[in-house]
Protein backbone atom coordinates (compact mmCIF):
# COMPACT_ATOMS: atom_id res chain seq x y z
CA UNK A 1 17.57 -82.02 -0.14
CA UNK A 2 13.45 -83.06 -0.22
CA UNK A 3 12.15 -81.85 3.48
CA UNK A 4 11.89 -85.01 4.38
CA UNK A 5 15.41 -86.18 4.26
CA UNK A 6 15.89 -84.04 6.96
CA UNK A 7 15.12 -85.66 10.67
CA UNK A 8 12.51 -82.49 11.92
CA UNK A 9 12.18 -80.27 8.88
CA UNK A 10 8.14 -79.86 8.26
CA UNK A 11 8.84 -77.28 5.60
CA UNK A 12 7.65 -74.25 7.96
CA UNK A 13 11.27 -72.92 8.56
CA UNK A 14 12.45 -70.69 11.81
CA UNK A 15 9.27 -68.96 12.24
CA UNK A 16 7.52 -69.77 9.08
CA UNK A 17 10.46 -68.60 7.51
CA UNK A 18 11.54 -71.16 5.07
CA UNK A 19 15.46 -71.56 4.26
CA UNK A 20 15.65 -72.38 -0.03
CA UNK A 21 19.40 -72.33 -0.40
CA UNK A 22 20.54 -75.55 0.14
CA UNK A 23 24.05 -74.50 1.59
CA UNK A 24 22.71 -71.99 3.53
CA UNK A 25 20.01 -74.42 4.81
CA UNK A 26 23.46 -77.32 5.24
CA UNK A 27 25.40 -74.76 7.24
CA UNK A 28 22.78 -73.82 9.65
CA UNK A 29 21.60 -77.79 10.32
CA UNK A 30 25.62 -78.70 10.88
CA UNK A 31 26.39 -75.29 13.75
CA UNK A 32 22.29 -76.61 15.26
CA UNK A 33 23.89 -79.71 15.57
CA UNK A 34 27.45 -79.05 16.39
CA UNK A 35 25.71 -76.17 19.37
CA UNK A 36 24.26 -79.72 20.61
CA UNK A 37 27.10 -81.42 20.52
CA UNK A 38 28.33 -79.03 22.88
CA UNK A 39 25.74 -78.76 25.45
CA UNK A 40 25.99 -82.10 25.61
CA UNK A 41 29.85 -82.08 26.16
CA UNK A 42 29.01 -79.58 28.74
CA UNK A 43 26.66 -81.82 30.76
CA UNK A 44 28.73 -84.58 30.68
CA UNK A 45 31.67 -82.75 32.56
CA UNK A 46 28.96 -81.57 34.85
CA UNK A 47 28.70 -84.94 36.20
CA UNK A 48 32.02 -85.92 35.87
CA UNK A 49 32.58 -83.78 38.28
CA UNK A 50 29.68 -84.59 40.38
CA UNK A 51 30.91 -88.40 40.43
CA UNK A 52 34.38 -86.97 41.51
CA UNK A 53 33.60 -84.41 44.08
CA UNK A 54 30.73 -85.71 45.68
CA UNK A 55 28.83 -82.87 45.06
CA UNK A 56 26.20 -81.90 42.88
CA UNK A 57 27.50 -77.98 41.05
CA UNK A 58 24.84 -75.94 42.85
CA UNK A 59 26.90 -77.15 46.46
CA UNK A 60 30.04 -76.75 44.99
CA UNK A 61 28.81 -73.17 44.41
CA UNK A 62 27.45 -72.44 47.95
CA UNK A 63 30.57 -73.85 49.57
CA UNK A 64 33.16 -71.87 47.39
CA UNK A 65 34.65 -75.02 45.80
CA UNK A 66 34.37 -73.59 42.33
CA UNK A 67 38.35 -73.07 41.58
CA UNK A 68 40.07 -76.23 40.62
CA UNK A 69 43.45 -74.60 40.95
CA UNK A 70 43.19 -72.10 43.34
CA UNK A 71 40.96 -72.85 46.77
CA UNK A 72 43.05 -77.06 47.27
CA UNK A 73 39.47 -78.69 47.51
CA UNK A 74 39.79 -80.47 44.33
CA UNK A 75 42.01 -83.32 42.41
CA UNK A 76 44.47 -80.74 40.80
């Protein structure tokens, strides 16, 4: 694919290294998309837990409420 068909592709590559092989480029772009999606799921999980418990992640850690199965403080 030409560089214009990829969002954010300015034809420079990673630190100036241009990926010539289209299969490798597609594989790396898919890996980057999947990593971004996994990060979004992690942040969403933190937001859900904050809504359920009323504590931020830092407050839960400081209070020792980090084990959902062992401390009796969570929904489980």
